[in-house]
Amino acid sequence: MAELNENMVALLNALTNEDCRKLCHRVVDGLCGREPPHRGDYSTTWSLQEWLELLGSLTALFRLAVVNKTSDEVVLSSLSNVSTSLAEAVLSVLRAREEEIRCALLDRTSSISTARLQDFDWQLKLALSSDKISSLHTPLLSLSVDVQENGAHRSVTVEMNRKELGMLISSLESANKVVLQLK
């Protein structure tokens, strides 16, 4: 199991032990098909790109540790650059919910389910502030996406500023390249 890169270590070290434990439980919730952590809860701590990197790293760590039946020592060594108390918090969540993660991963692989984009809509708005209405001109994109997953329809709405939109477009272009390589 590879060590987390330096950026991930710095991101994780920004949390208290209790906040780390809560975040890890929410990451596992998302991995198991329930409500994942919300970026809005951490928007003052990390940028969108940092948030996505940390979320991806933690999800990968949990998946790989469960799939490979990784020992505690190996998991802790992959978190060696994180403070000991944070590494133990991550490990405690992993061990407490290991069977739940395993079942969720087995369910995903046994039933071939794909999420399909059904429809999308976008709007451009200006953010207003009560005390700075005249000076604040921040364009925001509100993207609503209808997704069909396992036969259920759900709507996802994301609001992004120009910088976050640019990062989303870059991520989508990268994902498209990967999909094209798989064909």
N, C-alpha and C. Protein backbone atom coordinates (compact mmCIF):
# COMPACT_ATOMS: atom_id res chain seq x y z
N MET A 1 0.86 -1.17 0.00
CA MET A 1 0.00 0.00 0.00
C MET A 1 0.90 1.23 0.00
N ALA A 2 0.68 2.11 -0.93
CA ALA A 2 1.53 3.30 -1.09
C ALA A 2 1.24 4.33 0.00
N GLU A 3 2.25 5.11 0.32
CA GLU A 3 2.06 6.18 1.29
C GLU A 3 1.27 7.31 0.65
N LEU A 4 0.56 8.05 1.50
CA LEU A 4 -0.13 9.23 1.02
C LEU A 4 0.91 10.27 0.63
N ASN A 5 0.64 11.04 -0.43
CA ASN A 5 1.62 12.05 -0.81
C ASN A 5 1.62 13.19 0.20
N GLU A 6 2.64 14.02 0.12
CA GLU A 6 2.85 15.10 1.10
C GLU A 6 1.65 16.03 1.19
N ASN A 7 1.01 16.32 0.05
CA ASN A 7 -0.13 17.22 0.05
C ASN A 7 -1.29 16.63 0.86
N MET A 8 -1.54 15.34 0.69
CA MET A 8 -2.62 14.70 1.44
C MET A 8 -2.33 14.72 2.93
N VAL A 9 -1.07 14.52 3.28
CA VAL A 9 -0.67 14.54 4.68
C VAL A 9 -0.96 15.90 5.28
N ALA A 10 -0.57 16.95 4.59
CA ALA A 10 -0.82 18.31 5.08
C ALA A 10 -2.32 18.58 5.21
N LEU A 11 -3.10 18.08 4.26
CA LEU A 11 -4.54 18.29 4.31
C LEU A 11 -5.16 17.58 5.50
N LEU A 12 -4.76 16.35 5.73
CA LEU A 12 -5.30 15.57 6.84
C LEU A 12 -4.86 16.15 8.17
N ASN A 13 -3.65 16.67 8.23
CA ASN A 13 -3.14 17.25 9.48
C ASN A 13 -3.87 18.54 9.87
N ALA A 14 -4.70 19.08 8.99
CA ALA A 14 -5.47 20.28 9.30
C ALA A 14 -6.65 19.98 10.22
N LEU A 15 -6.92 18.69 10.46
CA LEU A 15 -8.07 18.29 11.26
C LEU A 15 -7.69 17.92 12.69
N THR A 16 -8.66 18.06 13.58
CA THR A 16 -8.49 17.50 14.92
C THR A 16 -8.79 16.01 14.84
N ASN A 17 -8.45 15.27 15.87
CA ASN A 17 -8.72 13.82 15.88
C ASN A 17 -10.20 13.53 15.70
N GLU A 18 -11.03 14.25 16.41
CA GLU A 18 -12.47 14.01 16.34
C GLU A 18 -13.02 14.37 14.95
N ASP A 19 -12.56 15.48 14.39
CA ASP A 19 -13.01 15.87 13.04
C ASP A 19 -12.53 14.86 12.00
N CYS A 20 -11.33 14.35 12.18
CA CYS A 20 -10.80 13.32 11.28
C CYS A 20 -11.67 12.07 11.33
N ARG A 21 -12.02 11.66 12.53
CA ARG A 21 -12.86 10.47 12.71
C ARG A 21 -14.22 10.69 12.06
N LYS A 22 -14.81 11.87 12.26
CA LYS A 22 -16.12 12.17 11.66
C LYS A 22 -16.04 12.15 10.14
N LEU A 23 -14.99 12.80 9.60
CA LEU A 23 -14.81 12.82 8.15
C LEU A 23 -14.66 11.41 7.60
N CYS A 24 -13.85 10.60 8.25
CA CYS A 24 -13.63 9.22 7.77
C CYS A 24 -14.93 8.42 7.79
N HIS A 25 -15.74 8.60 8.82
CA HIS A 25 -17.02 7.90 8.87
C HIS A 25 -17.92 8.35 7.72
N ARG A 26 -17.91 9.64 7.41
CA ARG A 26 -18.72 10.14 6.31
C ARG A 26 -18.20 9.64 4.96
N VAL A 27 -16.86 9.52 4.83
CA VAL A 27 -16.28 8.97 3.60
C VAL A 27 -16.74 7.52 3.43
N VAL A 28 -16.73 6.76 4.51
CA VAL A 28 -17.20 5.37 4.45
C VAL A 28 -18.69 5.34 4.12
N ASP A 29 -19.46 6.26 4.69
CA ASP A 29 -20.89 6.34 4.34
C ASP A 29 -21.05 6.51 2.83
N GLY A 30 -20.30 7.41 2.24
CA GLY A 30 -20.36 7.63 0.79
C GLY A 30 -19.94 6.40 0.02
N LEU A 31 -18.91 5.73 0.50
CA LEU A 31 -18.42 4.51 -0.13
C LEU A 31 -19.47 3.41 -0.09
N CYS A 32 -20.29 3.43 0.95
CA CYS A 32 -21.32 2.41 1.13
C CYS A 32 -22.67 2.82 0.54
N GLY A 33 -22.69 3.91 -0.23
CA GLY A 33 -23.92 4.29 -0.92
C GLY A 33 -24.84 5.20 -0.12
N ARG A 34 -24.39 5.65 1.03
CA ARG A 34 -25.19 6.59 1.80
C ARG A 34 -24.65 8.00 1.59
N GLU A 35 -25.10 8.92 2.39
CA GLU A 35 -24.73 10.32 2.18
C GLU A 35 -23.25 10.56 2.50
N PRO A 36 -22.49 11.01 1.51
CA PRO A 36 -21.06 11.28 1.72
C PRO A 36 -20.87 12.61 2.44
N PRO A 37 -19.64 12.93 2.80
CA PRO A 37 -19.40 14.23 3.42
C PRO A 37 -19.69 15.36 2.43
N HIS A 38 -20.10 16.48 2.96
CA HIS A 38 -20.41 17.64 2.12
C HIS A 38 -19.22 18.59 2.11
N ARG A 39 -18.89 19.05 0.94
CA ARG A 39 -17.76 19.98 0.82
C ARG A 39 -18.03 21.25 1.59
N GLY A 40 -19.27 21.68 1.62
CA GLY A 40 -19.62 22.91 2.32
C GLY A 40 -19.22 22.89 3.79
N ASP A 41 -19.21 21.72 4.40
CA ASP A 41 -18.81 21.61 5.80
C ASP A 41 -17.32 21.87 5.98
N TYR A 42 -16.56 21.75 4.90
CA TYR A 42 -15.10 21.89 4.98
C TYR A 42 -14.57 22.97 4.05
N SER A 43 -15.44 23.80 3.51
CA SER A 43 -15.01 24.78 2.50
C SER A 43 -14.05 25.81 3.06
N THR A 44 -14.09 26.07 4.36
CA THR A 44 -13.14 27.01 4.95
C THR A 44 -11.79 26.35 5.23
N THR A 45 -11.77 25.02 5.24
CA THR A 45 -10.54 24.28 5.53
C THR A 45 -9.75 24.00 4.27
N TRP A 46 -10.45 23.60 3.19
CA TRP A 46 -9.77 23.19 1.95
C TRP A 46 -10.44 23.79 0.73
N SER A 47 -9.66 23.98 -0.31
CA SER A 47 -10.21 24.41 -1.60
C SER A 47 -10.92 23.21 -2.23
N LEU A 48 -11.62 23.44 -3.33
CA LEU A 48 -12.32 22.36 -4.01
C LEU A 48 -11.34 21.28 -4.46
N GLN A 49 -10.23 21.69 -5.05
CA GLN A 49 -9.25 20.71 -5.52
C GLN A 49 -8.66 19.91 -4.37
N GLU A 50 -8.32 20.59 -3.27
CA GLU A 50 -7.79 19.89 -2.10
C GLU A 50 -8.82 18.92 -1.55
N TRP A 51 -10.07 19.36 -1.50
CA TRP A 51 -11.16 18.53 -0.99
C TRP A 51 -11.31 17.25 -1.84
N LEU A 52 -11.30 17.43 -3.16
CA LEU A 52 -11.45 16.27 -4.04
C LEU A 52 -10.26 15.32 -3.92
N GLU A 53 -9.06 15.87 -3.79
CA GLU A 53 -7.87 15.03 -3.63
C GLU A 53 -7.93 14.24 -2.32
N LEU A 54 -8.30 14.92 -1.23
CA LEU A 54 -8.37 14.25 0.06
C LEU A 54 -9.45 13.18 0.07
N LEU A 55 -10.61 13.51 -0.47
CA LEU A 55 -11.72 12.56 -0.53
C LEU A 55 -11.32 11.33 -1.35
N GLY A 56 -10.68 11.56 -2.50
CA GLY A 56 -10.23 10.45 -3.33
C GLY A 56 -9.18 9.59 -2.63
N SER A 57 -8.26 10.23 -1.93
CA SER A 57 -7.21 9.49 -1.22
C SER A 57 -7.77 8.63 -0.10
N LEU A 58 -8.68 9.22 0.69
CA LEU A 58 -9.26 8.45 1.79
C LEU A 58 -10.12 7.30 1.27
N THR A 59 -10.89 7.56 0.23
CA THR A 59 -11.72 6.50 -0.36
C THR A 59 -10.84 5.38 -0.89
N ALA A 60 -9.78 5.73 -1.60
CA ALA A 60 -8.85 4.71 -2.12
C ALA A 60 -8.19 3.94 -0.99
N LEU A 61 -7.80 4.63 0.06
CA LEU A 61 -7.17 3.96 1.20
C LEU A 61 -8.11 2.93 1.81
N PHE A 62 -9.37 3.32 2.04
CA PHE A 62 -10.34 2.39 2.61
C PHE A 62 -10.61 1.20 1.68
N ARG A 63 -10.78 1.49 0.40
CA ARG A 63 -11.03 0.41 -0.57
C ARG A 63 -9.87 -0.58 -0.61
N LEU A 64 -8.67 -0.06 -0.81
CA LEU A 64 -7.49 -0.92 -0.94
C LEU A 64 -7.24 -1.71 0.34
N ALA A 65 -7.39 -1.08 1.48
CA ALA A 65 -7.14 -1.77 2.75
C ALA A 65 -8.11 -2.93 2.95
N VAL A 66 -9.36 -2.73 2.55
CA VAL A 66 -10.36 -3.80 2.71
C VAL A 66 -10.17 -4.89 1.66
N VAL A 67 -10.00 -4.50 0.41
CA VAL A 67 -9.85 -5.47 -0.67
C VAL A 67 -8.60 -6.34 -0.46
N ASN A 68 -7.50 -5.70 -0.06
CA ASN A 68 -6.23 -6.42 0.11
C ASN A 68 -6.06 -7.01 1.50
N LYS A 69 -7.06 -6.82 2.37
CA LYS A 69 -6.98 -7.30 3.76
C LYS A 69 -5.67 -6.86 4.41
N THR A 70 -5.41 -5.58 4.29
CA THR A 70 -4.17 -4.99 4.75
C THR A 70 -4.09 -4.97 6.27
N SER A 71 -2.93 -5.31 6.81
CA SER A 71 -2.72 -5.33 8.26
C SER A 71 -2.68 -3.91 8.82
N ASP A 72 -2.89 -3.80 10.13
CA ASP A 72 -2.84 -2.49 10.79
C ASP A 72 -1.50 -1.81 10.59
N GLU A 73 -0.43 -2.60 10.66
CA GLU A 73 0.92 -2.04 10.53
C GLU A 73 1.12 -1.40 9.16
N VAL A 74 0.62 -2.07 8.12
CA VAL A 74 0.79 -1.54 6.76
C VAL A 74 -0.06 -0.28 6.58
N VAL A 75 -1.27 -0.28 7.11
CA VAL A 75 -2.11 0.91 7.02
C VAL A 75 -1.44 2.08 7.74
N LEU A 76 -0.94 1.82 8.95
CA LEU A 76 -0.27 2.88 9.71
C LEU A 76 1.00 3.36 9.01
N SER A 77 1.70 2.44 8.36
CA SER A 77 2.92 2.88 7.64
C SER A 77 2.55 3.73 6.43
N SER A 78 1.39 3.49 5.79
CA SER A 78 0.98 4.33 4.67
C SER A 78 0.56 5.71 5.16
N LEU A 79 0.28 5.82 6.46
CA LEU A 79 -0.09 7.10 7.06
C LEU A 79 1.05 7.62 7.94
N SER A 80 2.27 7.19 7.66
CA SER A 80 3.41 7.49 8.54
C SER A 80 3.71 8.98 8.67
N ASN A 81 3.38 9.77 7.68
CA ASN A 81 3.67 11.20 7.75
C ASN A 81 2.55 12.00 8.41
N VAL A 82 1.45 11.32 8.76
CA VAL A 82 0.35 11.95 9.46
C VAL A 82 0.62 11.78 10.96
N SER A 83 0.14 12.69 11.77
CA SER A 83 0.34 12.54 13.21
C SER A 83 -0.21 11.19 13.66
N THR A 84 0.41 10.63 14.68
CA THR A 84 0.05 9.29 15.16
C THR A 84 -1.42 9.22 15.55
N SER A 85 -1.91 10.25 16.23
CA SER A 85 -3.30 10.22 16.67
C SER A 85 -4.27 10.26 15.49
N LEU A 86 -3.94 11.01 14.43
CA LEU A 86 -4.81 11.04 13.24
C LEU A 86 -4.75 9.70 12.50
N ALA A 87 -3.55 9.11 12.39
CA ALA A 87 -3.42 7.82 11.73
C ALA A 87 -4.23 6.76 12.47
N GLU A 88 -4.19 6.80 13.78
CA GLU A 88 -4.97 5.84 14.58
C GLU A 88 -6.47 6.09 14.44
N ALA A 89 -6.87 7.36 14.28
CA ALA A 89 -8.29 7.67 14.06
C ALA A 89 -8.77 7.08 12.73
N VAL A 90 -7.95 7.23 11.68
CA VAL A 90 -8.29 6.66 10.37
C VAL A 90 -8.38 5.14 10.48
N LEU A 91 -7.40 4.54 11.14
CA LEU A 91 -7.38 3.08 11.30
C LEU A 91 -8.57 2.59 12.11
N SER A 92 -8.95 3.32 13.15
CA SER A 92 -10.09 2.88 13.98
C SER A 92 -11.38 2.88 13.17
N VAL A 93 -11.57 3.87 12.31
CA VAL A 93 -12.76 3.91 11.45
C VAL A 93 -12.71 2.75 10.46
N LEU A 94 -11.55 2.52 9.88
CA LEU A 94 -11.38 1.42 8.93
C LEU A 94 -11.76 0.09 9.57
N ARG A 95 -11.23 -0.18 10.75
CA ARG A 95 -11.50 -1.47 11.41
C ARG A 95 -12.94 -1.57 11.90
N ALA A 96 -13.50 -0.47 12.37
CA ALA A 96 -14.88 -0.49 12.86
C ALA A 96 -15.88 -0.75 11.73
N ARG A 97 -15.56 -0.32 10.52
CA ARG A 97 -16.52 -0.42 9.43
C ARG A 97 -16.03 -1.28 8.28
N GLU A 98 -15.01 -2.09 8.55
CA GLU A 98 -14.40 -2.91 7.51
C GLU A 98 -15.39 -3.84 6.83
N GLU A 99 -16.21 -4.52 7.61
CA GLU A 99 -17.17 -5.47 7.03
C GLU A 99 -18.22 -4.74 6.19
N GLU A 100 -18.63 -3.58 6.65
CA GLU A 100 -19.59 -2.77 5.91
C GLU A 100 -19.01 -2.33 4.56
N ILE A 101 -17.74 -1.94 4.56
CA ILE A 101 -17.07 -1.54 3.32
C ILE A 101 -16.97 -2.75 2.39
N ARG A 102 -16.59 -3.89 2.92
CA ARG A 102 -16.45 -5.11 2.11
C ARG A 102 -17.78 -5.46 1.44
N CYS A 103 -18.86 -5.41 2.20
CA CYS A 103 -20.19 -5.72 1.64
C CYS A 103 -20.57 -4.73 0.54
N ALA A 104 -20.28 -3.45 0.77
CA ALA A 104 -20.61 -2.43 -0.23
C ALA A 104 -19.81 -2.65 -1.51
N LEU A 105 -18.53 -3.00 -1.36
CA LEU A 105 -17.69 -3.24 -2.54
C LEU A 105 -18.14 -4.50 -3.27
N LEU A 106 -18.54 -5.52 -2.54
CA LEU A 106 -19.04 -6.75 -3.18
C LEU A 106 -20.35 -6.49 -3.91
N ASP A 107 -21.23 -5.68 -3.30
CA ASP A 107 -22.50 -5.35 -3.95
C ASP A 107 -22.26 -4.60 -5.25
N ARG A 108 -21.28 -3.71 -5.25
CA ARG A 108 -20.99 -2.93 -6.46
C ARG A 108 -20.45 -3.81 -7.57
N THR A 109 -19.60 -4.77 -7.23
CA THR A 109 -19.01 -5.60 -8.28
C THR A 109 -19.96 -6.68 -8.75
N SER A 110 -20.85 -7.15 -7.87
CA SER A 110 -21.74 -8.24 -8.27
C SER A 110 -22.90 -7.74 -9.12
N SER A 111 -23.39 -6.56 -8.83
CA SER A 111 -24.47 -6.01 -9.66
C SER A 111 -23.89 -4.89 -10.50
N ILE A 112 -23.86 -5.10 -11.77
CA ILE A 112 -23.27 -4.10 -12.65
C ILE A 112 -24.25 -2.94 -12.73
N SER A 113 -23.93 -1.91 -11.99
CA SER A 113 -24.80 -0.74 -11.98
C SER A 113 -23.99 0.46 -12.42
N THR A 114 -24.56 1.21 -13.30
CA THR A 114 -23.88 2.41 -13.74
C THR A 114 -24.80 3.59 -13.53
N ALA A 115 -24.22 4.70 -13.22
CA ALA A 115 -25.00 5.93 -13.11
C ALA A 115 -25.02 6.58 -14.48
N ARG A 116 -26.19 6.95 -14.92
CA ARG A 116 -26.31 7.59 -16.22
C ARG A 116 -26.84 8.99 -16.03
N LEU A 117 -26.26 9.89 -16.78
CA LEU A 117 -26.72 11.27 -16.78
C LEU A 117 -28.01 11.33 -17.56
N GLN A 118 -29.07 11.79 -16.93
CA GLN A 118 -30.37 11.87 -17.57
C GLN A 118 -30.60 13.23 -18.22
N ASP A 119 -30.26 14.28 -17.50
CA ASP A 119 -30.54 15.62 -17.99
C ASP A 119 -29.69 16.59 -17.17
N PHE A 120 -29.45 17.77 -17.72
CA PHE A 120 -28.76 18.78 -16.93
C PHE A 120 -29.30 20.15 -17.28
N ASP A 121 -29.09 21.06 -16.36
CA ASP A 121 -29.54 22.43 -16.52
C ASP A 121 -28.52 23.31 -15.82
N TRP A 122 -28.29 24.49 -16.34
CA TRP A 122 -27.36 25.40 -15.68
C TRP A 122 -27.92 26.79 -15.67
N GLN A 123 -27.49 27.55 -14.66
CA GLN A 123 -27.91 28.93 -14.53
C GLN A 123 -26.70 29.73 -14.07
N LEU A 124 -26.62 30.97 -14.48
CA LEU A 124 -25.56 31.85 -14.02
C LEU A 124 -26.22 32.90 -13.14
N LYS A 125 -25.68 33.04 -11.91
CA LYS A 125 -26.25 33.99 -10.96
C LYS A 125 -25.15 34.91 -10.45
N LEU A 126 -25.54 36.01 -9.88
CA LEU A 126 -24.59 36.87 -9.18
C LEU A 126 -24.84 36.71 -7.69
N ALA A 127 -23.76 36.47 -6.94
CA ALA A 127 -23.89 36.35 -5.49
C ALA A 127 -24.06 37.75 -4.90
N LEU A 128 -24.99 37.90 -3.99
CA LEU A 128 -25.24 39.19 -3.38
C LEU A 128 -24.97 39.10 -1.89
N SER A 129 -24.49 40.17 -1.34
CA SER A 129 -24.23 40.24 0.09
C SER A 129 -24.93 41.48 0.62
N SER A 130 -25.55 41.37 1.77
CA SER A 130 -26.36 42.48 2.26
C SER A 130 -25.56 43.77 2.45
N ASP A 131 -24.31 43.68 2.88
CA ASP A 131 -23.55 44.89 3.11
C ASP A 131 -22.63 45.27 1.96
N LYS A 132 -22.54 44.43 0.96
CA LYS A 132 -21.62 44.71 -0.15
C LYS A 132 -22.29 44.52 -1.51
N ILE A 133 -23.55 44.77 -1.59
CA ILE A 133 -24.28 44.51 -2.82
C ILE A 133 -23.65 45.21 -4.02
N SER A 134 -23.26 46.45 -3.83
CA SER A 134 -22.75 47.21 -4.98
C SER A 134 -21.35 46.78 -5.39
N SER A 135 -20.54 46.28 -4.45
CA SER A 135 -19.15 45.96 -4.79
C SER A 135 -18.92 44.48 -5.08
N LEU A 136 -19.83 43.62 -4.74
CA LEU A 136 -19.63 42.19 -4.93
C LEU A 136 -20.27 41.72 -6.23
N HIS A 137 -19.46 41.32 -7.17
CA HIS A 137 -19.94 40.83 -8.45
C HIS A 137 -19.24 39.51 -8.74
N THR A 138 -19.65 38.46 -8.03
CA THR A 138 -19.05 37.15 -8.18
C THR A 138 -19.98 36.25 -8.97
N PRO A 139 -19.66 35.94 -10.21
CA PRO A 139 -20.53 35.04 -10.97
C PRO A 139 -20.42 33.62 -10.43
N LEU A 140 -21.56 32.98 -10.27
CA LEU A 140 -21.61 31.60 -9.82
C LEU A 140 -22.38 30.76 -10.82
N LEU A 141 -21.93 29.55 -11.02
CA LEU A 141 -22.65 28.62 -11.89
C LEU A 141 -23.41 27.65 -11.01
N SER A 142 -24.68 27.51 -11.26
CA SER A 142 -25.49 26.53 -10.55
C SER A 142 -25.81 25.41 -11.53
N LEU A 143 -25.21 24.26 -11.33
CA LEU A 143 -25.37 23.13 -12.23
C LEU A 143 -26.25 22.09 -11.58
N SER A 144 -27.37 21.78 -12.21
CA SER A 144 -28.27 20.73 -11.72
C SER A 144 -28.16 19.54 -12.65
N VAL A 145 -27.87 18.38 -12.10
CA VAL A 145 -27.68 17.18 -12.88
C VAL A 145 -28.66 16.12 -12.39
N ASP A 146 -29.42 15.53 -13.30
CA ASP A 146 -30.30 14.41 -12.96
C ASP A 146 -29.56 13.12 -13.27
N VAL A 147 -29.45 12.27 -12.26
CA VAL A 147 -28.68 11.03 -12.39
C VAL A 147 -29.60 9.85 -12.13
N GLN A 148 -29.44 8.81 -12.95
CA GLN A 148 -30.17 7.57 -12.70
C GLN A 148 -29.15 6.54 -12.25
N GLU A 149 -29.35 6.00 -11.04
CA GLU A 149 -28.44 5.03 -10.48
C GLU A 149 -29.25 3.91 -9.85
N ASN A 150 -29.00 2.69 -10.31
CA ASN A 150 -29.73 1.51 -9.84
C ASN A 150 -31.25 1.69 -9.98
N GLY A 151 -31.66 2.32 -11.04
CA GLY A 151 -33.08 2.50 -11.31
C GLY A 151 -33.72 3.67 -10.59
N ALA A 152 -32.99 4.31 -9.68
CA ALA A 152 -33.53 5.44 -8.94
C ALA A 152 -33.03 6.74 -9.54
N HIS A 153 -33.92 7.70 -9.64
CA HIS A 153 -33.56 9.01 -10.16
C HIS A 153 -33.26 9.94 -8.98
N ARG A 154 -32.21 10.72 -9.11
CA ARG A 154 -31.94 11.74 -8.09
C ARG A 154 -31.34 12.95 -8.78
N SER A 155 -31.55 14.08 -8.17
CA SER A 155 -31.06 15.33 -8.71
C SER A 155 -29.93 15.84 -7.82
N VAL A 156 -28.84 16.27 -8.46
CA VAL A 156 -27.69 16.80 -7.74
C VAL A 156 -27.47 18.23 -8.22
N THR A 157 -27.38 19.17 -7.29
CA THR A 157 -27.14 20.56 -7.64
C THR A 157 -25.83 21.01 -7.03
N VAL A 158 -24.98 21.62 -7.84
CA VAL A 158 -23.68 22.10 -7.41
C VAL A 158 -23.56 23.56 -7.80
N GLU A 159 -23.06 24.37 -6.88
CA GLU A 159 -22.84 25.78 -7.18
C GLU A 159 -21.34 26.03 -7.15
N MET A 160 -20.82 26.63 -8.21
CA MET A 160 -19.37 26.82 -8.34
C MET A 160 -19.05 28.23 -8.80
N ASN A 161 -17.89 28.70 -8.34
CA ASN A 161 -17.39 29.96 -8.87
C ASN A 161 -16.55 29.66 -10.10
N ARG A 162 -15.99 30.67 -10.71
CA ARG A 162 -15.25 30.51 -11.96
C ARG A 162 -14.06 29.55 -11.81
N LYS A 163 -13.31 29.68 -10.72
CA LYS A 163 -12.14 28.84 -10.50
C LYS A 163 -12.56 27.37 -10.32
N GLU A 164 -13.59 27.14 -9.52
CA GLU A 164 -14.07 25.77 -9.30
C GLU A 164 -14.61 25.17 -10.59
N LEU A 165 -15.27 25.97 -11.40
CA LEU A 165 -15.77 25.50 -12.70
C LEU A 165 -14.61 25.08 -13.59
N GLY A 166 -13.54 25.87 -13.60
CA GLY A 166 -12.36 25.51 -14.39
C GLY A 166 -11.77 24.19 -13.95
N MET A 167 -11.70 23.97 -12.63
CA MET A 167 -11.17 22.70 -12.12
C MET A 167 -12.09 21.53 -12.48
N LEU A 168 -13.42 21.76 -12.44
CA LEU A 168 -14.36 20.71 -12.82
C LEU A 168 -14.19 20.35 -14.29
N ILE A 169 -14.06 21.36 -15.14
CA ILE A 169 -13.88 21.10 -16.57
C ILE A 169 -12.59 20.32 -16.80
N SER A 170 -11.51 20.70 -16.13
CA SER A 170 -10.23 19.97 -16.25
C SER A 170 -10.39 18.52 -15.81
N SER A 171 -11.10 18.30 -14.70
CA SER A 171 -11.32 16.94 -14.22
C SER A 171 -12.14 16.12 -15.20
N LEU A 172 -13.17 16.74 -15.77
CA LEU A 172 -14.00 16.04 -16.74
C LEU A 172 -13.22 15.71 -18.02
N GLU A 173 -12.37 16.63 -18.44
CA GLU A 173 -11.54 16.36 -19.62
C GLU A 173 -10.58 15.21 -19.34
N SER A 174 -9.99 15.17 -18.15
CA SER A 174 -9.10 14.07 -17.78
C SER A 174 -9.86 12.74 -17.74
N ALA A 175 -11.06 12.76 -17.17
CA ALA A 175 -11.86 11.55 -17.12
C ALA A 175 -12.23 11.08 -18.52
N ASN A 176 -12.52 12.01 -19.41
CA ASN A 176 -12.86 11.66 -20.79
C ASN A 176 -11.66 10.99 -21.48
N LYS A 177 -10.46 11.49 -21.24
CA LYS A 177 -9.26 10.88 -21.80
C LYS A 177 -9.11 9.45 -21.33
N VAL A 178 -9.34 9.21 -20.05
CA VAL A 178 -9.24 7.86 -19.50
C VAL A 178 -10.27 6.95 -20.14
N VAL A 179 -11.51 7.44 -20.28
CA VAL A 179 -12.57 6.64 -20.90
C VAL A 179 -12.20 6.30 -22.34
N LEU A 180 -11.67 7.27 -23.06
CA LEU A 180 -11.27 7.03 -24.45
C LEU A 180 -10.13 6.00 -24.55
N GLN A 181 -9.24 5.99 -23.57
CA GLN A 181 -8.15 5.02 -23.56
C GLN A 181 -8.66 3.61 -23.27
N LEU A 182 -9.75 3.50 -22.52
CA LEU A 182 -10.31 2.19 -22.18
C LEU A 182 -11.06 1.56 -23.34
N LYS A 183 -11.46 2.38 -24.31
CA LYS A 183 -12.22 1.84 -25.46
C LYS A 183 -11.35 1.10 -26.41
